[in-house]
C-alpha cells in the first residue's frame, strides 16, 4: 500500500517537535543521574571532597556524565545556532563538561598522592 504523503506531510513538524522533546527529556534524565552520582565532588576544586568516590562509583559517575554530554549533543543538533533552546542546552552541556573535567582532575590528584 503506497504512503499518502498529502496526509502525512502536515504531521512532520509535530513528529519532529515530539522527537526534540524526547531528546530533551533524555538529556535531562541523564543529567539528573549524573548530578546525583557526583554530588558535590566535581564542584570542589580546591578543597578535598568529604567522602571520595570509590573506583566503581567514579567509573559510574564518569559514564553517566559522558552519557549526559552525548545526550545534550543530540539535543543541540536539533536547534539553529541562535535558538534559545540551543543556548540553554549548550549551557547545560558546558556545566556537565566542566564537572567531568573537575572530577577527572580530582581523581588524578588523588591517585597521584
PDB file of N, CA and C in Angstrom:
ATOM      1  N   UNK A   1       0.845  -1.167   0.000  1.00  0.00           N
ATOM      2  CA  UNK A   1       0.000   0.000   0.000  1.00  0.00           C
ATOM      3  C   UNK A   1       0.898   1.241   0.000  1.00  0.00           C
ATOM      4  N   UNK A   2       0.750   2.135  -0.960  1.00  0.00           N
ATOM      5  CA  UNK A   2       1.584   3.337  -1.018  1.00  0.00           C
ATOM      6  C   UNK A   2       1.221   4.314   0.109  1.00  0.00           C
ATOM      7  N   UNK A   3       2.230   5.074   0.524  1.00  0.00           N
ATOM      8  CA  UNK A   3       2.008   6.085   1.548  1.00  0.00           C
ATOM      9  C   UNK A   3       1.229   7.264   0.981  1.00  0.00           C
ATOM     10  N   UNK A   4       0.358   7.817   1.787  1.00  0.00           N
ATOM     11  CA  UNK A   4      -0.389   9.007   1.400  1.00  0.00           C
ATOM     12  C   UNK A   4       0.374  10.226   1.919  1.00  0.00           C
ATOM     13  N   UNK A   5       1.306  10.730   1.095  1.00  0.00           N
ATOM     14  CA  UNK A   5       2.159  11.827   1.519  1.00  0.00           C
ATOM     15  C   UNK A   5       1.387  13.112   1.755  1.00  0.00           C
ATOM     16  N   UNK A   6       0.295  13.297   1.064  1.00  0.00           N
ATOM     17  CA  UNK A   6      -0.509  14.502   1.287  1.00  0.00           C
ATOM     18  C   UNK A   6      -1.073  14.509   2.702  1.00  0.00           C
ATOM     19  N   UNK A   7      -1.393  13.358   3.240  1.00  0.00           N
ATOM     20  CA  UNK A   7      -1.909  13.270   4.598  1.00  0.00           C
ATOM     21  C   UNK A   7      -0.777  13.300   5.629  1.00  0.00           C
ATOM     22  N   UNK A   8       0.381  12.733   5.280  1.00  0.00           N
ATOM     23  CA  UNK A   8       1.495  12.643   6.228  1.00  0.00           C
ATOM     24  C   UNK A   8       2.303  13.934   6.345  1.00  0.00           C
ATOM     25  N   UNK A   9       2.453  14.666   5.248  1.00  0.00           N
ATOM     26  CA  UNK A   9       3.325  15.841   5.232  1.00  0.00           C
ATOM     27  C   UNK A   9       3.002  16.866   6.325  1.00  0.00           C
ATOM     28  N   UNK A  10       1.735  17.201   6.585  1.00  0.00           N
ATOM     29  CA  UNK A  10       1.446  18.189   7.634  1.00  0.00           C
ATOM     30  C   UNK A  10       1.833  17.712   9.043  1.00  0.00           C
ATOM     31  N   UNK A  11       2.019  16.434   9.230  1.00  0.00           N
ATOM     32  CA  UNK A  11       2.346  15.907  10.554  1.00  0.00           C
ATOM     33  C   UNK A  11       3.845  15.888  10.835  1.00  0.00           C
ATOM     34  N   UNK A  12       4.662  16.136   9.840  1.00  0.00           N
ATOM     35  CA  UNK A  12       6.106  16.037  10.008  1.00  0.00           C
ATOM     36  C   UNK A  12       6.609  16.993  11.087  1.00  0.00           C
ATOM     37  N   UNK A  13       6.140  18.222  11.123  1.00  0.00           N
ATOM     38  CA  UNK A  13       6.630  19.173  12.124  1.00  0.00           C
ATOM     39  C   UNK A  13       6.260  18.725  13.538  1.00  0.00           C
ATOM     40  N   UNK A  14       5.076  18.151  13.715  1.00  0.00           N
ATOM     41  CA  UNK A  14       4.686  17.653  15.046  1.00  0.00           C
ATOM     42  C   UNK A  14       5.544  16.471  15.464  1.00  0.00           C
ATOM     43  N   UNK A  15       5.862  15.612  14.521  1.00  0.00           N
ATOM     44  CA  UNK A  15       6.724  14.465  14.815  1.00  0.00           C
ATOM     45  C   UNK A  15       8.124  14.951  15.183  1.00  0.00           C
ATOM     46  N   UNK A  16       8.637  15.921  14.456  1.00  0.00           N
ATOM     47  CA  UNK A  16       9.961  16.474  14.748  1.00  0.00           C
ATOM     48  C   UNK A  16       9.978  17.139  16.125  1.00  0.00           C
ATOM     49  N   UNK A  17       8.945  17.899  16.448  1.00  0.00           N
ATOM     50  CA  UNK A  17       8.862  18.542  17.765  1.00  0.00           C
ATOM     51  C   UNK A  17       8.809  17.500  18.877  1.00  0.00           C
ATOM     52  N   UNK A  18       8.082  16.433  18.653  1.00  0.00           N
ATOM     53  CA  UNK A  18       7.989  15.362  19.647  1.00  0.00           C
ATOM     54  C   UNK A  18       9.347  14.685  19.826  1.00  0.00           C
ATOM     55  N   UNK A  19      10.081  14.514  18.751  1.00  0.00           N
ATOM     56  CA  UNK A  19      11.402  13.889  18.838  1.00  0.00           C
ATOM     57  C   UNK A  19      12.376  14.782  19.599  1.00  0.00           C
ATOM     58  N   UNK A  20      12.349  16.079  19.335  1.00  0.00           N
ATOM     59  CA  UNK A  20      13.205  17.011  20.063  1.00  0.00           C
ATOM     60  C   UNK A  20      12.838  17.010  21.545  1.00  0.00           C
ATOM     61  N   UNK A  21      11.565  16.969  21.862  1.00  0.00           N
ATOM     62  CA  UNK A  21      11.129  16.917  23.258  1.00  0.00           C
ATOM     63  C   UNK A  21      11.602  15.627  23.923  1.00  0.00           C
ATOM     64  N   UNK A  22      11.571  14.520  23.183  1.00  0.00           N
ATOM     65  CA  UNK A  22      12.042  13.242  23.727  1.00  0.00           C
ATOM     66  C   UNK A  22      13.548  13.306  23.996  1.00  0.00           C
ATOM     67  N   UNK A  23      14.308  13.867  23.048  1.00  0.00           N
ATOM     68  CA  UNK A  23      15.752  14.001  23.242  1.00  0.00           C
ATOM     69  C   UNK A  23      16.065  14.897  24.440  1.00  0.00           C
ATOM     70  N   UNK A  24      15.288  15.982  24.592  1.00  0.00           N
ATOM     71  CA  UNK A  24      15.486  16.900  25.714  1.00  0.00           C
ATOM     72  C   UNK A  24      15.231  16.176  27.043  1.00  0.00           C
ATOM     73  N   UNK A  25      14.139  15.393  27.105  1.00  0.00           N
ATOM     74  CA  UNK A  25      13.848  14.630  28.337  1.00  0.00           C
ATOM     75  C   UNK A  25      14.955  13.632  28.643  1.00  0.00           C
ATOM     76  N   UNK A  26      15.467  12.962  27.619  1.00  0.00           N
ATOM     77  CA  UNK A  26      16.570  12.019  27.825  1.00  0.00           C
ATOM     78  C   UNK A  26      17.798  12.723  28.386  1.00  0.00           C
ATOM     79  N   UNK A  27      18.106  13.893  27.838  1.00  0.00           N
ATOM     80  CA  UNK A  27      19.259  14.654  28.312  1.00  0.00           C
ATOM     81  C   UNK A  27      19.050  15.115  29.752  1.00  0.00           C
ATOM     82  N   UNK A  28      17.843  15.557  30.071  1.00  0.00           N
ATOM     83  CA  UNK A  28      17.530  15.980  31.446  1.00  0.00           C
ATOM     84  C   UNK A  28      17.685  14.810  32.416  1.00  0.00           C
ATOM     85  N   UNK A  29      17.186  13.644  32.028  1.00  0.00           N
ATOM     86  CA  UNK A  29      17.267  12.472  32.904  1.00  0.00           C
ATOM     87  C   UNK A  29      18.706  12.025  33.101  1.00  0.00           C
ATOM     88  N   UNK A  30      19.483  11.978  32.039  1.00  0.00           N
ATOM     89  CA  UNK A  30      20.891  11.596  32.159  1.00  0.00           C
ATOM     90  C   UNK A  30      21.644  12.603  33.018  1.00  0.00           C
ATOM     91  N   UNK A  31      21.329  13.887  32.863  1.00  0.00           N
ATOM     92  CA  UNK A  31      21.969  14.931  33.669  1.00  0.00           C
ATOM     93  C   UNK A  31      21.625  14.768  35.142  1.00  0.00           C
ATOM     94  N   UNK A  32      20.369  14.456  35.426  1.00  0.00           N
ATOM     95  CA  UNK A  32      19.943  14.281  36.818  1.00  0.00           C
ATOM     96  C   UNK A  32      20.657  13.106  37.465  1.00  0.00           C
ATOM     97  N   UNK A  33      20.791  12.018  36.742  1.00  0.00           N
ATOM     98  CA  UNK A  33      21.501  10.854  37.285  1.00  0.00           C
ATOM     99  C   UNK A  33      22.963  11.203  37.523  1.00  0.00           C
ATOM    100  N   UNK A  34      23.598  11.867  36.555  1.00  0.00           N
ATOM    101  CA  UNK A  34      24.999  12.258  36.702  1.00  0.00           C
ATOM    102  C   UNK A  34      25.177  13.199  37.895  1.00  0.00           C
ATOM    103  N   UNK A  35      24.287  14.177  38.031  1.00  0.00           N
ATOM    104  CA  UNK A  35      24.364  15.110  39.159  1.00  0.00           C
ATOM    105  C   UNK A  35      24.243  14.379  40.492  1.00  0.00           C
ATOM    106  N   UNK A  36      23.333  13.429  40.549  1.00  0.00           N
ATOM    107  CA  UNK A  36      23.146  12.677  41.787  1.00  0.00           C
ATOM    108  C   UNK A  36      24.379  11.837  42.113  1.00  0.00           C
ATOM    109  N   UNK A  37      24.979  11.251  41.099  1.00  0.00           N
ATOM    110  CA  UNK A  37      26.148  10.401  41.323  1.00  0.00           C
ATOM    111  C   UNK A  37      27.367  11.193  41.772  1.00  0.00           C
ATOM    112  N   UNK A  38      27.561  12.386  41.206  1.00  0.00           N
ATOM    113  CA  UNK A  38      28.747  13.153  41.567  1.00  0.00           C
ATOM    114  C   UNK A  38      28.541  13.973  42.824  1.00  0.00           C
ATOM    115  N   UNK A  39      27.278  14.229  43.177  1.00  0.00           N
ATOM    116  CA  UNK A  39      27.026  15.031  44.374  1.00  0.00           C
ATOM    117  C   UNK A  39      27.762  16.342  44.283  1.00  0.00           C
ATOM    118  N   UNK A  40      28.501  16.694  45.304  1.00  0.00           N
ATOM    119  CA  UNK A  40      29.266  17.939  45.307  1.00  0.00           C
ATOM    120  C   UNK A  40      30.720  17.744  44.960  1.00  0.00           C
ATOM    121  N   UNK A  41      31.105  16.512  44.575  1.00  0.00           N
ATOM    122  CA  UNK A  41      32.519  16.235  44.358  1.00  0.00           C
ATOM    123  C   UNK A  41      33.143  17.078  43.255  1.00  0.00           C
ATOM    124  N   UNK A  42      32.484  17.186  42.131  1.00  0.00           N
ATOM    125  CA  UNK A  42      33.072  17.899  40.998  1.00  0.00           C
ATOM    126  C   UNK A  42      33.112  19.401  41.236  1.00  0.00           C
ATOM    127  N   UNK A  43      32.259  19.915  42.111  1.00  0.00           N
ATOM    128  CA  UNK A  43      32.230  21.351  42.378  1.00  0.00           C
ATOM    129  C   UNK A  43      33.374  21.782  43.275  1.00  0.00           C
ATOM    130  N   UNK A  44      33.952  20.853  44.011  1.00  0.00           N
ATOM    131  CA  UNK A  44      35.024  21.190  44.944  1.00  0.00           C
ATOM    132  C   UNK A  44      36.361  21.072  44.230  1.00  0.00           C
ATOM    133  N   UNK A  45      36.909  22.195  43.824  1.00  0.00           N
ATOM    134  CA  UNK A  45      38.160  22.142  43.080  1.00  0.00           C
ATOM    135  C   UNK A  45      39.361  22.266  44.005  1.00  0.00           C
ATOM    136  N   UNK A  46      39.302  23.130  45.004  1.00  0.00           N
ATOM    137  CA  UNK A  46      40.452  23.345  45.881  1.00  0.00           C
ATOM    138  C   UNK A  46      40.391  22.478  47.128  1.00  0.00           C
ATOM    139  N   UNK A  47      39.200  22.267  47.659  1.00  0.00           N
ATOM    140  CA  UNK A  47      39.052  21.517  48.899  1.00  0.00           C
ATOM    141  C   UNK A  47      38.988  20.026  48.613  1.00  0.00           C
ATOM    142  N   UNK A  48      39.390  19.264  49.604  1.00  0.00           N
ATOM    143  CA  UNK A  48      39.267  17.810  49.493  1.00  0.00           C
ATOM    144  C   UNK A  48      37.800  17.433  49.618  1.00  0.00           C
ATOM    145  N   UNK A  49      37.330  16.478  48.831  1.00  0.00           N
ATOM    146  CA  UNK A  49      35.946  16.037  48.982  1.00  0.00           C
ATOM    147  C   UNK A  49      35.745  15.370  50.341  1.00  0.00           C
ATOM    148  N   UNK A  50      34.562  15.530  50.891  1.00  0.00           N
ATOM    149  CA  UNK A  50      34.297  14.979  52.213  1.00  0.00           C
ATOM    150  C   UNK A  50      34.314  13.455  52.200  1.00  0.00           C
ATOM    151  N   UNK A  51      33.786  12.852  51.167  1.00  0.00           N
ATOM    152  CA  UNK A  51      33.803  11.399  51.042  1.00  0.00           C
ATOM    153  C   UNK A  51      34.184  11.067  49.602  1.00  0.00           C
ATOM    154  N   UNK A  52      35.473  10.733  49.374  1.00  0.00           N
ATOM    155  CA  UNK A  52      35.888  10.483  47.997  1.00  0.00           C
ATOM    156  C   UNK A  52      35.112   9.326  47.377  1.00  0.00           C
ATOM    157  N   UNK A  53      34.911   9.419  46.091  1.00  0.00           N
ATOM    158  CA  UNK A  53      34.210   8.360  45.378  1.00  0.00           C
ATOM    159  C   UNK A  53      35.106   7.129  45.279  1.00  0.00           C
ATOM    160  N   UNK A  54      34.501   5.975  45.451  1.00  0.00           N
ATOM    161  CA  UNK A  54      35.249   4.742  45.241  1.00  0.00           C
ATOM    162  C   UNK A  54      35.534   4.604  43.751  1.00  0.00           C
ATOM    163  N   UNK A  55      36.402   3.670  43.405  1.00  0.00           N
ATOM    164  CA  UNK A  55      36.759   3.481  41.995  1.00  0.00           C
ATOM    165  C   UNK A  55      35.529   3.117  41.165  1.00  0.00           C
ATOM    166  N   UNK A  56      34.669   2.254  41.686  1.00  0.00           N
ATOM    167  CA  UNK A  56      33.482   1.865  40.918  1.00  0.00           C
ATOM    168  C   UNK A  56      32.480   3.018  40.832  1.00  0.00           C
ATOM    169  N   UNK A  57      32.320   3.799  41.919  1.00  0.00           N
ATOM    170  CA  UNK A  57      31.433   4.961  41.883  1.00  0.00           C
ATOM    171  C   UNK A  57      31.952   6.019  40.916  1.00  0.00           C
ATOM    172  N   UNK A  58      33.272   6.182  40.901  1.00  0.00           N
ATOM    173  CA  UNK A  58      33.883   7.134  39.980  1.00  0.00           C
ATOM    174  C   UNK A  58      33.630   6.704  38.538  1.00  0.00           C
ATOM    175  N   UNK A  59      33.815   5.419  38.245  1.00  0.00           N
ATOM    176  CA  UNK A  59      33.580   4.913  36.893  1.00  0.00           C
ATOM    177  C   UNK A  59      32.119   5.109  36.484  1.00  0.00           C
ATOM    178  N   UNK A  60      31.202   4.832  37.398  1.00  0.00           N
ATOM    179  CA  UNK A  60      29.781   5.014  37.114  1.00  0.00           C
ATOM    180  C   UNK A  60      29.457   6.481  36.862  1.00  0.00           C
ATOM    181  N   UNK A  61      29.994   7.360  37.697  1.00  0.00           N
ATOM    182  CA  UNK A  61      29.747   8.797  37.537  1.00  0.00           C
ATOM    183  C   UNK A  61      30.305   9.303  36.211  1.00  0.00           C
ATOM    184  N   UNK A  62      31.508   8.872  35.858  1.00  0.00           N
ATOM    185  CA  UNK A  62      32.106   9.298  34.595  1.00  0.00           C
ATOM    186  C   UNK A  62      31.298   8.788  33.402  1.00  0.00           C
ATOM    187  N   UNK A  63      30.799   7.566  33.507  1.00  0.00           N
ATOM    188  CA  UNK A  63      29.976   7.006  32.435  1.00  0.00           C
ATOM    189  C   UNK A  63      28.704   7.826  32.242  1.00  0.00           C
ATOM    190  N   UNK A  64      28.033   8.157  33.353  1.00  0.00           N
ATOM    191  CA  UNK A  64      26.792   8.928  33.247  1.00  0.00           C
ATOM    192  C   UNK A  64      27.048  10.360  32.795  1.00  0.00           C
ATOM    193  N   UNK A  65      28.156  10.946  33.220  1.00  0.00           N
ATOM    194  CA  UNK A  65      28.486  12.283  32.730  1.00  0.00           C
ATOM    195  C   UNK A  65      28.702  12.254  31.220  1.00  0.00           C
ATOM    196  N   UNK A  66      29.413  11.254  30.740  1.00  0.00           N
ATOM    197  CA  UNK A  66      29.610  11.113  29.299  1.00  0.00           C
ATOM    198  C   UNK A  66      28.299  10.913  28.564  1.00  0.00           C
ATOM    199  N   UNK A  67      27.420  10.090  29.126  1.00  0.00           N
ATOM    200  CA  UNK A  67      26.113   9.856  28.503  1.00  0.00           C
ATOM    201  C   UNK A  67      25.292  11.145  28.468  1.00  0.00           C
ATOM    202  N   UNK A  68      25.337  11.910  29.534  1.00  0.00           N
ATOM    203  CA  UNK A  68      24.582  13.169  29.585  1.00  0.00           C
ATOM    204  C   UNK A  68      25.130  14.168  28.562  1.00  0.00           C
ATOM    205  N   UNK A  69      26.449  14.243  28.438  1.00  0.00           N
ATOM    206  CA  UNK A  69      27.050  15.160  27.462  1.00  0.00           C
ATOM    207  C   UNK A  69      26.658  14.759  26.043  1.00  0.00           C
ATOM    208  N   UNK A  70      26.695  13.464  25.757  1.00  0.00           N
ATOM    209  CA  UNK A  70      26.281  13.000  24.424  1.00  0.00           C
ATOM    210  C   UNK A  70      24.797  13.261  24.181  1.00  0.00           C
ATOM    211  N   UNK A  71      23.980  13.124  25.216  1.00  0.00           N
ATOM    212  CA  UNK A  71      22.547  13.396  25.077  1.00  0.00           C
ATOM    213  C   UNK A  71      22.315  14.873  24.762  1.00  0.00           C
ATOM    214  N   UNK A  72      23.052  15.758  25.411  1.00  0.00           N
ATOM    215  CA  UNK A  72      22.904  17.186  25.104  1.00  0.00           C
ATOM    216  C   UNK A  72      23.427  17.497  23.714  1.00  0.00           C
ATOM    217  N   UNK A  73      24.458  16.778  23.255  1.00  0.00           N
ATOM    218  CA  UNK A  73      24.930  16.961  21.880  1.00  0.00           C
ATOM    219  C   UNK A  73      23.814  16.648  20.885  1.00  0.00           C
ATOM    220  N   UNK A  74      23.056  15.575  21.157  1.00  0.00           N
ATOM    221  CA  UNK A  74      21.934  15.208  20.281  1.00  0.00           C
ATOM    222  C   UNK A  74      20.863  16.293  20.288  1.00  0.00           C
ATOM    223  N   UNK A  75      20.626  16.896  21.439  1.00  0.00           N
ATOM    224  CA  UNK A  75      19.651  17.988  21.527  1.00  0.00           C
ATOM    225  C   UNK A  75      20.146  19.196  20.744  1.00  0.00           C
ATOM    226  N   UNK A  76      21.407  19.543  20.919  1.00  0.00           N
ATOM    227  CA  UNK A  76      21.954  20.731  20.263  1.00  0.00           C
ATOM    228  C   UNK A  76      21.920  20.608  18.747  1.00  0.00           C
ATOM    229  N   UNK A  77      22.022  19.399  18.248  1.00  0.00           N
ATOM    230  CA  UNK A  77      21.984  19.193  16.796  1.00  0.00           C
ATOM    231  C   UNK A  77      20.624  19.543  16.205  1.00  0.00           C
ATOM    232  N   UNK A  78      19.604  19.639  17.030  1.00  0.00           N
ATOM    233  CA  UNK A  78      18.247  19.910  16.551  1.00  0.00           C
ATOM    234  C   UNK A  78      17.931  21.401  16.444  1.00  0.00           C
ATOM    235  N   UNK A  79      18.792  22.248  16.963  1.00  0.00           N
ATOM    236  CA  UNK A  79      18.498  23.675  17.022  1.00  0.00           C
ATOM    237  C   UNK A  79      19.474  24.482  16.175  1.00  0.00           C
ATOM    238  N   UNK A  80      19.002  25.584  15.573  1.00  0.00           N
ATOM    239  CA  UNK A  80      19.930  26.504  14.912  1.00  0.00           C
ATOM    240  C   UNK A  80      20.759  27.249  15.960  1.00  0.00           C
ATOM    241  N   UNK A  81      21.851  27.829  15.528  1.00  0.00           N
ATOM    242  CA  UNK A  81      22.804  28.475  16.437  1.00  0.00           C
ATOM    243  C   UNK A  81      22.172  29.508  17.376  1.00  0.00           C
ATOM    244  N   UNK A  82      21.232  30.303  16.892  1.00  0.00           N
ATOM    245  CA  UNK A  82      20.709  31.418  17.677  1.00  0.00           C
ATOM    246  C   UNK A  82      19.458  31.074  18.485  1.00  0.00           C
ATOM    247  N   UNK A  83      19.008  29.845  18.444  1.00  0.00           N
ATOM    248  CA  UNK A  83      17.766  29.472  19.125  1.00  0.00           C
ATOM    249  C   UNK A  83      17.962  29.442  20.640  1.00  0.00           C
ATOM    250  N   UNK A  84      16.954  29.919  21.398  1.00  0.00           N
ATOM    251  CA  UNK A  84      17.053  29.888  22.864  1.00  0.00           C
ATOM    252  C   UNK A  84      17.227  28.461  23.409  1.00  0.00           C
ATOM    253  N   UNK A  85      16.579  27.499  22.787  1.00  0.00           N
ATOM    254  CA  UNK A  85      16.724  26.116  23.230  1.00  0.00           C
ATOM    255  C   UNK A  85      18.152  25.628  23.104  1.00  0.00           C
ATOM    256  N   UNK A  86      18.817  26.051  22.045  1.00  0.00           N
ATOM    257  CA  UNK A  86      20.216  25.659  21.860  1.00  0.00           C
ATOM    258  C   UNK A  86      21.095  26.306  22.915  1.00  0.00           C
ATOM    259  N   UNK A  87      20.824  27.564  23.225  1.00  0.00           N
ATOM    260  CA  UNK A  87      21.625  28.263  24.232  1.00  0.00           C
ATOM    261  C   UNK A  87      21.468  27.613  25.601  1.00  0.00           C
ATOM    262  N   UNK A  88      20.251  27.254  25.957  1.00  0.00           N
ATOM    263  CA  UNK A  88      20.009  26.597  27.243  1.00  0.00           C
ATOM    264  C   UNK A  88      20.666  25.223  27.277  1.00  0.00           C
ATOM    265  N   UNK A  89      20.530  24.470  26.203  1.00  0.00           N
ATOM    266  CA  UNK A  89      21.150  23.158  26.133  1.00  0.00           C
ATOM    267  C   UNK A  89      22.670  23.232  26.157  1.00  0.00           C
ATOM    268  N   UNK A  90      23.221  24.225  25.468  1.00  0.00           N
ATOM    269  CA  UNK A  90      24.674  24.400  25.447  1.00  0.00           C
ATOM    270  C   UNK A  90      25.200  24.745  26.837  1.00  0.00           C
ATOM    271  N   UNK A  91      24.442  25.549  27.579  1.00  0.00           N
ATOM    272  CA  UNK A  91      24.853  25.893  28.943  1.00  0.00           C
ATOM    273  C   UNK A  91      24.853  24.650  29.831  1.00  0.00           C
ATOM    274  N   UNK A  92      23.832  23.811  29.700  1.00  0.00           N
ATOM    275  CA  UNK A  92      23.778  22.560  30.477  1.00  0.00           C
ATOM    276  C   UNK A  92      24.941  21.637  30.108  1.00  0.00           C
ATOM    277  N   UNK A  93      25.196  21.518  28.808  1.00  0.00           N
ATOM    278  CA  UNK A  93      26.289  20.665  28.353  1.00  0.00           C
ATOM    279  C   UNK A  93      27.629  21.173  28.877  1.00  0.00           C
ATOM    280  N   UNK A  94      27.822  22.486  28.832  1.00  0.00           N
ATOM    281  CA  UNK A  94      29.065  23.098  29.319  1.00  0.00           C
ATOM    282  C   UNK A  94      29.260  22.811  30.806  1.00  0.00           C
ATOM    283  N   UNK A  95      28.194  22.925  31.596  1.00  0.00           N
ATOM    284  CA  UNK A  95      28.293  22.661  33.028  1.00  0.00           C
ATOM    285  C   UNK A  95      28.682  21.204  33.286  1.00  0.00           C
ATOM    286  N   UNK A  96      28.083  20.291  32.536  1.00  0.00           N
ATOM    287  CA  UNK A  96      28.414  18.874  32.689  1.00  0.00           C
ATOM    288  C   UNK A  96      29.849  18.587  32.279  1.00  0.00           C
ATOM    289  N   UNK A  97      30.296  19.233  31.217  1.00  0.00           N
ATOM    290  CA  UNK A  97      31.668  19.026  30.771  1.00  0.00           C
ATOM    291  C   UNK A  97      32.656  19.543  31.816  1.00  0.00           C
ATOM    292  N   UNK A  98      32.344  20.674  32.428  1.00  0.00           N
ATOM    293  CA  UNK A  98      33.208  21.201  33.481  1.00  0.00           C
ATOM    294  C   UNK A  98      33.228  20.268  34.690  1.00  0.00           C
ATOM    295  N   UNK A  99      32.068  19.703  35.037  1.00  0.00           N
ATOM    296  CA  UNK A  99      32.002  18.745  36.137  1.00  0.00           C
ATOM    297  C   UNK A  99      32.822  17.507  35.818  1.00  0.00           C
ATOM    298  N   UNK A 100      32.754  17.044  34.584  1.00  0.00           N
ATOM    299  CA  UNK A 100      33.537  15.885  34.166  1.00  0.00           C
ATOM    300  C   UNK A 100      35.030  16.161  34.313  1.00  0.00           C
ATOM    301  N   UNK A 101      35.471  17.320  33.822  1.00  0.00           N
ATOM    302  CA  UNK A 101      36.889  17.673  33.927  1.00  0.00           C
ATOM    303  C   UNK A 101      37.335  17.819  35.375  1.00  0.00           C
ATOM    304  N   UNK A 102      36.500  18.438  36.201  1.00  0.00           N
ATOM    305  CA  UNK A 102      36.842  18.598  37.620  1.00  0.00           C
ATOM    306  C   UNK A 102      36.944  17.241  38.309  1.00  0.00           C
ATOM    307  N   UNK A 103      36.032  16.346  37.999  1.00  0.00           N
ATOM    308  CA  UNK A 103      36.057  15.008  38.597  1.00  0.00           C
ATOM    309  C   UNK A 103      37.294  14.246  38.139  1.00  0.00           C
ATOM    310  N   UNK A 104      37.657  14.382  36.885  1.00  0.00           N
ATOM    311  CA  UNK A 104      38.867  13.725  36.388  1.00  0.00           C
ATOM    312  C   UNK A 104      40.115  14.299  37.058  1.00  0.00           C
ATOM    313  N   UNK A 105      40.144  15.610  37.254  1.00  0.00           N
ATOM    314  CA  UNK A 105      41.290  16.229  37.950  1.00  0.00           C
ATOM    315  C   UNK A 105      41.390  15.727  39.379  1.00  0.00           C
ATOM    316  N   UNK A 106      40.250  15.661  40.067  1.00  0.00           N
ATOM    317  CA  UNK A 106      40.253  15.194  41.451  1.00  0.00           C
ATOM    318  C   UNK A 106      40.710  13.747  41.535  1.00  0.00           C
ATOM    319  N   UNK A 107      40.231  12.923  40.647  1.00  0.00           N
ATOM    320  CA  UNK A 107      40.619  11.515  40.682  1.00  0.00           C
ATOM    321  C   UNK A 107      42.089  11.364  40.342  1.00  0.00           C
ATOM    322  N   UNK A 108      42.589  12.198  39.437  1.00  0.00           N
ATOM    323  CA  UNK A 108      44.008  12.148  39.080  1.00  0.00           C
ATOM    324  C   UNK A 108      44.895  12.612  40.224  1.00  0.00           C
ATOM    325  N   UNK A 109      44.471  13.667  40.920  1.00  0.00           N
ATOM    326  CA  UNK A 109      45.286  14.158  42.036  1.00  0.00           C
ATOM    327  C   UNK A 109      45.232  13.198  43.214  1.00  0.00           C
ATOM    328  N   UNK A 110      44.122  12.531  43.401  1.00  0.00           N
ATOM    329  CA  UNK A 110      44.001  11.542  44.471  1.00  0.00           C
ATOM    330  C   UNK A 110      44.874  10.332  44.174  1.00  0.00           C
ATOM    331  N   UNK A 111      44.899   9.943  42.911  1.00  0.00           N
ATOM    332  CA  UNK A 111      45.681   8.771  42.524  1.00  0.00           C
ATOM    333  C   UNK A 111      47.162   9.029  42.582  1.00  0.00           C
ATOM    334  N   UNK A 112      47.578  10.272  42.420  1.00  0.00           N
ATOM    335  CA  UNK A 112      48.983  10.613  42.434  1.00  0.00           C
ATOM    336  C   UNK A 112      49.544  10.801  43.826  1.00  0.00           C
ATOM    337  N   UNK A 113      48.683  10.843  44.846  1.00  0.00           N
ATOM    338  CA  UNK A 113      49.150  11.086  46.217  1.00  0.00           C
ATOM    339  C   UNK A 113      49.666   9.830  46.854  1.00  0.00           C
TER     340      UNK A 113
END
